[in-house]
Amino acid sequence: MKILVMNGPNLNFLGIRDRTVYGSEDYDHLVKLIEDKASELGAEVECWQSNHEGDLIDRIQLAYSDGTDGIIINPGALTHYSYALYDALGSYDTIPMVEVHISDINSRDEFRKKSVTAPACDKQIVGHGLNGYLEAMEYIAGINMS
């Protein structure tokens, strides 16, 4: 099983950006958590981050043919306005997709409460910190193992 974990703009600044919202652990810590969980699940994982919308779209499209069995995505601020990202995620329904947000976007700024990308995904996990990624991996593993 191959899981692609994608992170959008500013996620590479974990541990630097607004620690009261996103915590003090850095991006490398997140990648290590994900890799450890993949090992536990017997899965292959690719962690991928970009601050550029087009790069995220290109990687989603590549997942169609590279053997990816599930996508976990934290689109960052693109969550709230990127219909192009929504279209890329919604282009095919052959693999499960989970949108993850470290913070509870529903209890933050008004503009953060609307996700235009979540409807293209099978599930959304918000406000569970970095553990949300691990929950998403378990969800995808459960689908792929059933």
N, C-alpha and C. Protein backbone atom coordinates (compact mmCIF):
# COMPACT_ATOMS: atom_id res chain seq x y z
N MET A 1 0.85 -1.17 0.00
CA MET A 1 0.00 0.00 0.00
C MET A 1 0.90 1.24 0.00
N LYS A 2 0.59 2.17 -0.88
CA LYS A 2 1.37 3.40 -1.01
C LYS A 2 0.47 4.60 -0.68
N ILE A 3 0.89 5.37 0.32
CA ILE A 3 0.14 6.55 0.75
C ILE A 3 0.96 7.80 0.44
N LEU A 4 0.32 8.75 -0.18
CA LEU A 4 0.92 10.05 -0.46
C LEU A 4 0.38 11.06 0.56
N VAL A 5 1.28 11.67 1.32
CA VAL A 5 0.90 12.71 2.29
C VAL A 5 1.39 14.03 1.74
N MET A 6 0.43 14.89 1.40
CA MET A 6 0.74 16.17 0.77
C MET A 6 0.47 17.32 1.74
N ASN A 7 1.36 18.28 1.75
CA ASN A 7 1.19 19.47 2.57
C ASN A 7 1.38 20.71 1.71
N GLY A 8 0.47 21.64 1.86
CA GLY A 8 0.49 22.86 1.07
C GLY A 8 1.27 23.99 1.73
N PRO A 9 0.93 25.21 1.32
CA PRO A 9 1.68 26.39 1.74
C PRO A 9 1.84 26.52 3.25
N ASN A 10 3.06 26.84 3.61
CA ASN A 10 3.48 27.18 4.97
C ASN A 10 3.58 26.00 5.92
N LEU A 11 3.22 24.79 5.49
CA LEU A 11 3.35 23.65 6.39
C LEU A 11 4.82 23.33 6.67
N ASN A 12 5.71 23.73 5.77
CA ASN A 12 7.14 23.57 6.03
C ASN A 12 7.61 24.47 7.17
N PHE A 13 6.77 25.40 7.61
CA PHE A 13 7.10 26.31 8.72
C PHE A 13 6.51 25.84 10.05
N LEU A 14 6.13 24.57 10.13
CA LEU A 14 5.69 24.03 11.42
C LEU A 14 6.80 24.25 12.45
N GLY A 15 6.41 24.59 13.66
CA GLY A 15 7.38 24.86 14.71
C GLY A 15 7.90 26.28 14.69
N ILE A 16 7.62 27.00 13.62
CA ILE A 16 8.04 28.39 13.49
C ILE A 16 6.80 29.29 13.48
N ARG A 17 5.85 28.92 12.65
CA ARG A 17 4.64 29.73 12.44
C ARG A 17 3.61 29.49 13.54
N ASP A 18 3.17 30.53 14.16
CA ASP A 18 2.08 30.54 15.15
C ASP A 18 2.00 29.25 15.98
N ARG A 19 2.93 29.09 16.87
CA ARG A 19 3.03 27.87 17.69
C ARG A 19 1.81 27.65 18.58
N THR A 20 1.10 28.71 18.90
CA THR A 20 -0.10 28.54 19.74
C THR A 20 -1.20 27.81 18.98
N VAL A 21 -1.16 27.86 17.65
CA VAL A 21 -2.15 27.18 16.82
C VAL A 21 -1.62 25.84 16.32
N TYR A 22 -0.38 25.82 15.85
CA TYR A 22 0.16 24.65 15.16
C TYR A 22 1.15 23.83 15.99
N GLY A 23 1.48 24.27 17.19
CA GLY A 23 2.39 23.53 18.05
C GLY A 23 3.85 23.88 17.79
N SER A 24 4.72 23.29 18.58
CA SER A 24 6.14 23.63 18.51
C SER A 24 6.97 22.60 17.74
N GLU A 25 6.35 21.50 17.35
CA GLU A 25 7.09 20.48 16.60
C GLU A 25 7.28 20.94 15.15
N ASP A 26 8.44 20.63 14.57
CA ASP A 26 8.72 21.09 13.22
C ASP A 26 8.29 20.08 12.16
N TYR A 27 8.47 20.45 10.90
CA TYR A 27 8.03 19.61 9.79
C TYR A 27 8.76 18.26 9.78
N ASP A 28 10.04 18.26 10.12
CA ASP A 28 10.79 17.00 10.17
C ASP A 28 10.19 16.05 11.20
N HIS A 29 9.72 16.60 12.31
CA HIS A 29 9.07 15.78 13.33
C HIS A 29 7.79 15.15 12.76
N LEU A 30 7.02 15.94 12.03
CA LEU A 30 5.80 15.41 11.41
C LEU A 30 6.14 14.28 10.44
N VAL A 31 7.13 14.49 9.61
CA VAL A 31 7.53 13.45 8.64
C VAL A 31 7.94 12.18 9.37
N LYS A 32 8.68 12.30 10.45
CA LYS A 32 9.10 11.12 11.23
C LYS A 32 7.89 10.39 11.82
N LEU A 33 6.92 11.14 12.36
CA LEU A 33 5.69 10.51 12.87
C LEU A 33 4.99 9.71 11.78
N ILE A 34 4.89 10.32 10.61
CA ILE A 34 4.21 9.68 9.48
C ILE A 34 4.97 8.44 9.03
N GLU A 35 6.28 8.54 8.92
CA GLU A 35 7.09 7.40 8.51
C GLU A 35 6.99 6.26 9.51
N ASP A 36 7.00 6.57 10.81
CA ASP A 36 6.86 5.55 11.84
C ASP A 36 5.50 4.86 11.73
N LYS A 37 4.45 5.64 11.50
CA LYS A 37 3.10 5.08 11.36
C LYS A 37 3.03 4.19 10.11
N ALA A 38 3.65 4.62 9.03
CA ALA A 38 3.67 3.81 7.81
C ALA A 38 4.34 2.46 8.07
N SER A 39 5.43 2.49 8.80
CA SER A 39 6.12 1.25 9.14
C SER A 39 5.21 0.33 9.94
N GLU A 40 4.51 0.90 10.91
CA GLU A 40 3.56 0.15 11.74
C GLU A 40 2.46 -0.47 10.88
N LEU A 41 2.01 0.26 9.87
CA LEU A 41 0.93 -0.21 9.00
C LEU A 41 1.42 -1.10 7.86
N GLY A 42 2.74 -1.22 7.72
CA GLY A 42 3.29 -1.98 6.61
C GLY A 42 3.05 -1.28 5.28
N ALA A 43 3.06 0.04 5.31
CA ALA A 43 2.77 0.84 4.11
C ALA A 43 4.01 1.59 3.66
N GLU A 44 4.01 1.92 2.39
CA GLU A 44 5.01 2.83 1.84
C GLU A 44 4.40 4.23 1.90
N VAL A 45 5.19 5.22 2.27
CA VAL A 45 4.65 6.58 2.37
C VAL A 45 5.60 7.56 1.69
N GLU A 46 5.01 8.54 1.06
CA GLU A 46 5.77 9.65 0.50
C GLU A 46 5.20 10.93 1.12
N CYS A 47 6.06 11.69 1.79
CA CYS A 47 5.67 13.00 2.33
C CYS A 47 6.16 14.05 1.34
N TRP A 48 5.24 14.92 0.98
CA TRP A 48 5.53 15.88 -0.08
C TRP A 48 4.92 17.22 0.29
N GLN A 49 5.70 18.29 0.15
CA GLN A 49 5.23 19.63 0.52
C GLN A 49 5.59 20.63 -0.56
N SER A 50 4.66 21.54 -0.83
CA SER A 50 4.94 22.64 -1.75
C SER A 50 4.16 23.87 -1.32
N ASN A 51 4.75 25.01 -1.56
CA ASN A 51 4.07 26.28 -1.33
C ASN A 51 3.37 26.78 -2.59
N HIS A 52 3.34 25.93 -3.64
CA HIS A 52 2.82 26.35 -4.94
C HIS A 52 1.63 25.49 -5.38
N GLU A 53 0.54 26.14 -5.67
CA GLU A 53 -0.70 25.46 -6.04
C GLU A 53 -0.52 24.53 -7.24
N GLY A 54 0.14 25.00 -8.27
CA GLY A 54 0.33 24.19 -9.47
C GLY A 54 1.14 22.94 -9.21
N ASP A 55 2.14 23.03 -8.33
CA ASP A 55 2.93 21.85 -7.98
C ASP A 55 2.07 20.81 -7.27
N LEU A 56 1.18 21.27 -6.39
CA LEU A 56 0.27 20.35 -5.70
C LEU A 56 -0.63 19.65 -6.70
N ILE A 57 -1.16 20.39 -7.65
CA ILE A 57 -2.03 19.82 -8.69
C ILE A 57 -1.27 18.80 -9.52
N ASP A 58 -0.05 19.15 -9.92
CA ASP A 58 0.76 18.21 -10.71
C ASP A 58 1.00 16.92 -9.94
N ARG A 59 1.26 17.01 -8.64
CA ARG A 59 1.53 15.81 -7.85
C ARG A 59 0.28 14.96 -7.67
N ILE A 60 -0.86 15.59 -7.50
CA ILE A 60 -2.13 14.86 -7.43
C ILE A 60 -2.36 14.10 -8.73
N GLN A 61 -2.11 14.75 -9.84
CA GLN A 61 -2.31 14.11 -11.13
C GLN A 61 -1.34 12.95 -11.34
N LEU A 62 -0.11 13.09 -10.88
CA LEU A 62 0.87 12.01 -10.99
C LEU A 62 0.42 10.79 -10.17
N ALA A 63 -0.25 11.03 -9.06
CA ALA A 63 -0.71 9.93 -8.20
C ALA A 63 -1.65 8.98 -8.93
N TYR A 64 -2.30 9.48 -9.96
CA TYR A 64 -3.22 8.64 -10.73
C TYR A 64 -2.51 7.44 -11.35
N SER A 65 -1.25 7.62 -11.71
CA SER A 65 -0.56 6.54 -12.44
C SER A 65 0.69 6.01 -11.77
N ASP A 66 0.98 6.46 -10.55
CA ASP A 66 2.24 6.02 -9.93
C ASP A 66 2.06 4.96 -8.85
N GLY A 67 0.87 4.38 -8.76
CA GLY A 67 0.64 3.33 -7.79
C GLY A 67 0.17 3.80 -6.43
N THR A 68 -0.16 5.08 -6.31
CA THR A 68 -0.65 5.61 -5.04
C THR A 68 -2.00 4.98 -4.70
N ASP A 69 -2.13 4.52 -3.46
CA ASP A 69 -3.37 3.88 -2.99
C ASP A 69 -4.23 4.79 -2.13
N GLY A 70 -3.70 5.94 -1.73
CA GLY A 70 -4.47 6.89 -0.93
C GLY A 70 -3.72 8.19 -0.80
N ILE A 71 -4.47 9.28 -0.70
CA ILE A 71 -3.87 10.61 -0.55
C ILE A 71 -4.38 11.24 0.73
N ILE A 72 -3.45 11.79 1.49
CA ILE A 72 -3.77 12.64 2.64
C ILE A 72 -3.25 14.02 2.28
N ILE A 73 -4.11 15.01 2.41
CA ILE A 73 -3.71 16.36 2.02
C ILE A 73 -4.10 17.39 3.07
N ASN A 74 -3.14 18.23 3.39
CA ASN A 74 -3.40 19.44 4.16
C ASN A 74 -3.10 20.57 3.18
N PRO A 75 -4.13 21.14 2.55
CA PRO A 75 -3.90 22.16 1.53
C PRO A 75 -3.52 23.53 2.10
N GLY A 76 -3.45 23.66 3.43
CA GLY A 76 -3.15 24.96 4.01
C GLY A 76 -4.22 25.96 3.61
N ALA A 77 -3.83 27.19 3.37
CA ALA A 77 -4.79 28.25 3.02
C ALA A 77 -5.50 27.99 1.70
N LEU A 78 -4.94 27.15 0.85
CA LEU A 78 -5.60 26.82 -0.43
C LEU A 78 -6.94 26.12 -0.19
N THR A 79 -7.10 25.55 0.99
CA THR A 79 -8.34 24.90 1.39
C THR A 79 -9.55 25.78 1.13
N HIS A 80 -9.38 27.06 1.35
CA HIS A 80 -10.51 27.97 1.41
C HIS A 80 -10.86 28.64 0.09
N TYR A 81 -10.02 28.45 -0.93
CA TYR A 81 -10.33 29.15 -2.18
C TYR A 81 -9.84 28.46 -3.45
N SER A 82 -9.17 27.34 -3.36
CA SER A 82 -8.59 26.74 -4.57
C SER A 82 -9.55 25.74 -5.23
N TYR A 83 -10.33 26.25 -6.14
CA TYR A 83 -11.19 25.37 -6.91
C TYR A 83 -10.37 24.52 -7.88
N ALA A 84 -9.20 25.00 -8.26
CA ALA A 84 -8.31 24.20 -9.10
C ALA A 84 -7.84 22.96 -8.35
N LEU A 85 -7.52 23.11 -7.08
CA LEU A 85 -7.12 21.97 -6.25
C LEU A 85 -8.31 21.02 -6.05
N TYR A 86 -9.48 21.59 -5.83
CA TYR A 86 -10.71 20.79 -5.73
C TYR A 86 -10.89 19.95 -7.00
N ASP A 87 -10.74 20.58 -8.16
CA ASP A 87 -10.90 19.86 -9.43
C ASP A 87 -9.88 18.74 -9.56
N ALA A 88 -8.63 18.98 -9.16
CA ALA A 88 -7.60 17.95 -9.25
C ALA A 88 -7.93 16.77 -8.34
N LEU A 89 -8.33 17.07 -7.10
CA LEU A 89 -8.68 16.00 -6.17
C LEU A 89 -9.91 15.23 -6.65
N GLY A 90 -10.84 15.93 -7.25
CA GLY A 90 -12.09 15.31 -7.70
C GLY A 90 -12.01 14.68 -9.07
N SER A 91 -10.84 14.70 -9.68
CA SER A 91 -10.71 14.18 -11.05
C SER A 91 -10.92 12.68 -11.14
N TYR A 92 -10.63 11.97 -10.05
CA TYR A 92 -10.83 10.52 -10.07
C TYR A 92 -11.23 10.05 -8.69
N ASP A 93 -11.99 8.97 -8.69
CA ASP A 93 -12.49 8.44 -7.42
C ASP A 93 -12.00 7.01 -7.18
N THR A 94 -10.82 6.73 -7.69
CA THR A 94 -10.29 5.37 -7.58
C THR A 94 -9.50 5.12 -6.30
N ILE A 95 -9.16 6.17 -5.58
CA ILE A 95 -8.42 6.01 -4.33
C ILE A 95 -9.04 6.91 -3.25
N PRO A 96 -8.93 6.49 -1.98
CA PRO A 96 -9.46 7.33 -0.90
C PRO A 96 -8.57 8.56 -0.69
N MET A 97 -9.21 9.65 -0.30
CA MET A 97 -8.51 10.90 -0.01
C MET A 97 -9.05 11.48 1.29
N VAL A 98 -8.13 11.97 2.11
CA VAL A 98 -8.50 12.57 3.39
C VAL A 98 -7.87 13.95 3.49
N GLU A 99 -8.70 14.93 3.82
CA GLU A 99 -8.19 16.28 4.09
C GLU A 99 -7.93 16.39 5.59
N VAL A 100 -6.74 16.89 5.94
CA VAL A 100 -6.34 17.02 7.34
C VAL A 100 -5.97 18.47 7.63
N HIS A 101 -6.39 18.93 8.81
CA HIS A 101 -5.96 20.24 9.31
C HIS A 101 -5.53 20.08 10.76
N ILE A 102 -4.37 20.59 11.08
CA ILE A 102 -3.81 20.48 12.42
C ILE A 102 -4.71 21.20 13.42
N SER A 103 -5.15 22.39 13.06
CA SER A 103 -6.03 23.17 13.93
C SER A 103 -7.49 22.88 13.57
N ASP A 104 -8.38 23.32 14.44
CA ASP A 104 -9.81 23.21 14.14
C ASP A 104 -10.21 24.43 13.32
N ILE A 105 -10.23 24.27 12.01
CA ILE A 105 -10.53 25.39 11.13
C ILE A 105 -11.94 25.94 11.37
N ASN A 106 -12.80 25.15 11.96
CA ASN A 106 -14.18 25.58 12.20
C ASN A 106 -14.31 26.54 13.38
N SER A 107 -13.26 26.65 14.19
CA SER A 107 -13.33 27.55 15.34
C SER A 107 -12.35 28.72 15.21
N ARG A 108 -11.86 28.94 14.01
CA ARG A 108 -10.90 30.01 13.78
C ARG A 108 -11.55 31.15 12.99
N ASP A 109 -10.78 31.88 12.24
CA ASP A 109 -11.28 33.00 11.44
C ASP A 109 -12.45 32.55 10.58
N GLU A 110 -13.35 33.46 10.32
CA GLU A 110 -14.54 33.14 9.53
C GLU A 110 -14.19 32.52 8.18
N PHE A 111 -13.19 33.08 7.50
CA PHE A 111 -12.84 32.57 6.16
C PHE A 111 -12.30 31.14 6.20
N ARG A 112 -11.79 30.70 7.34
CA ARG A 112 -11.24 29.35 7.44
C ARG A 112 -12.30 28.28 7.62
N LYS A 113 -13.51 28.67 7.91
CA LYS A 113 -14.57 27.70 8.20
C LYS A 113 -15.08 26.99 6.95
N LYS A 114 -14.81 27.54 5.78
CA LYS A 114 -15.28 26.95 4.52
C LYS A 114 -14.12 26.26 3.83
N SER A 115 -14.28 24.98 3.57
CA SER A 115 -13.29 24.24 2.78
C SER A 115 -13.90 23.94 1.43
N VAL A 116 -13.27 24.45 0.38
CA VAL A 116 -13.76 24.13 -0.96
C VAL A 116 -13.16 22.82 -1.46
N THR A 117 -12.13 22.32 -0.77
CA THR A 117 -11.48 21.08 -1.19
C THR A 117 -12.05 19.84 -0.50
N ALA A 118 -12.61 19.98 0.69
CA ALA A 118 -13.13 18.83 1.43
C ALA A 118 -14.17 18.02 0.67
N PRO A 119 -15.07 18.64 -0.10
CA PRO A 119 -16.06 17.83 -0.81
C PRO A 119 -15.46 16.86 -1.84
N ALA A 120 -14.22 17.10 -2.24
CA ALA A 120 -13.56 16.19 -3.18
C ALA A 120 -12.91 15.02 -2.45
N CYS A 121 -12.90 15.07 -1.13
CA CYS A 121 -12.26 14.02 -0.32
C CYS A 121 -13.32 13.13 0.32
N ASP A 122 -12.89 11.97 0.76
CA ASP A 122 -13.78 11.02 1.43
C ASP A 122 -14.01 11.37 2.88
N LYS A 123 -13.07 12.09 3.48
CA LYS A 123 -13.12 12.37 4.91
C LYS A 123 -12.33 13.64 5.18
N GLN A 124 -12.71 14.33 6.25
CA GLN A 124 -11.96 15.49 6.71
C GLN A 124 -11.70 15.31 8.21
N ILE A 125 -10.46 15.55 8.62
CA ILE A 125 -10.07 15.48 10.03
C ILE A 125 -9.50 16.84 10.40
N VAL A 126 -10.09 17.49 11.41
CA VAL A 126 -9.64 18.82 11.82
C VAL A 126 -9.43 18.86 13.33
N GLY A 127 -8.43 19.63 13.73
CA GLY A 127 -8.24 19.92 15.14
C GLY A 127 -7.63 18.82 15.99
N HIS A 128 -7.05 17.80 15.38
CA HIS A 128 -6.44 16.71 16.15
C HIS A 128 -4.93 16.83 16.18
N GLY A 129 -4.42 18.01 15.84
CA GLY A 129 -2.98 18.20 15.83
C GLY A 129 -2.31 17.32 14.80
N LEU A 130 -1.06 17.00 15.03
CA LEU A 130 -0.32 16.14 14.10
C LEU A 130 -0.90 14.73 14.06
N ASN A 131 -1.58 14.32 15.12
CA ASN A 131 -2.20 13.00 15.15
C ASN A 131 -3.27 12.84 14.07
N GLY A 132 -3.81 13.94 13.57
CA GLY A 132 -4.80 13.86 12.50
C GLY A 132 -4.24 13.15 11.27
N TYR A 133 -2.97 13.34 11.00
CA TYR A 133 -2.34 12.64 9.87
C TYR A 133 -2.32 11.13 10.11
N LEU A 134 -2.03 10.74 11.35
CA LEU A 134 -1.97 9.32 11.68
C LEU A 134 -3.36 8.69 11.61
N GLU A 135 -4.37 9.41 12.05
CA GLU A 135 -5.76 8.94 11.93
C GLU A 135 -6.13 8.77 10.46
N ALA A 136 -5.70 9.70 9.64
CA ALA A 136 -5.99 9.61 8.20
C ALA A 136 -5.31 8.39 7.59
N MET A 137 -4.10 8.10 8.02
CA MET A 137 -3.39 6.92 7.52
C MET A 137 -4.12 5.65 7.92
N GLU A 138 -4.60 5.60 9.15
CA GLU A 138 -5.37 4.42 9.61
C GLU A 138 -6.65 4.27 8.78
N TYR A 139 -7.29 5.36 8.49
CA TYR A 139 -8.51 5.33 7.67
C TYR A 139 -8.21 4.76 6.28
N ILE A 140 -7.18 5.26 5.65
CA ILE A 140 -6.82 4.77 4.31
C ILE A 140 -6.39 3.31 4.36
N ALA A 141 -5.61 2.95 5.37
CA ALA A 141 -5.20 1.55 5.52
C ALA A 141 -6.40 0.65 5.70
N GLY A 142 -7.38 1.08 6.46
CA GLY A 142 -8.58 0.29 6.68
C GLY A 142 -9.35 0.04 5.40
N ILE A 143 -9.41 1.04 4.55
CA ILE A 143 -10.09 0.87 3.26
C ILE A 143 -9.31 -0.07 2.36
N ASN A 144 -8.00 0.10 2.32
CA ASN A 144 -7.17 -0.70 1.41
C ASN A 144 -6.97 -2.12 1.89
N MET A 145 -7.23 -2.38 3.16
CA MET A 145 -7.05 -3.73 3.67
C MET A 145 -8.37 -4.51 3.73
N SER A 146 -9.47 -3.81 3.48
CA SER A 146 -10.76 -4.51 3.56
C SER A 146 -11.14 -5.13 2.24
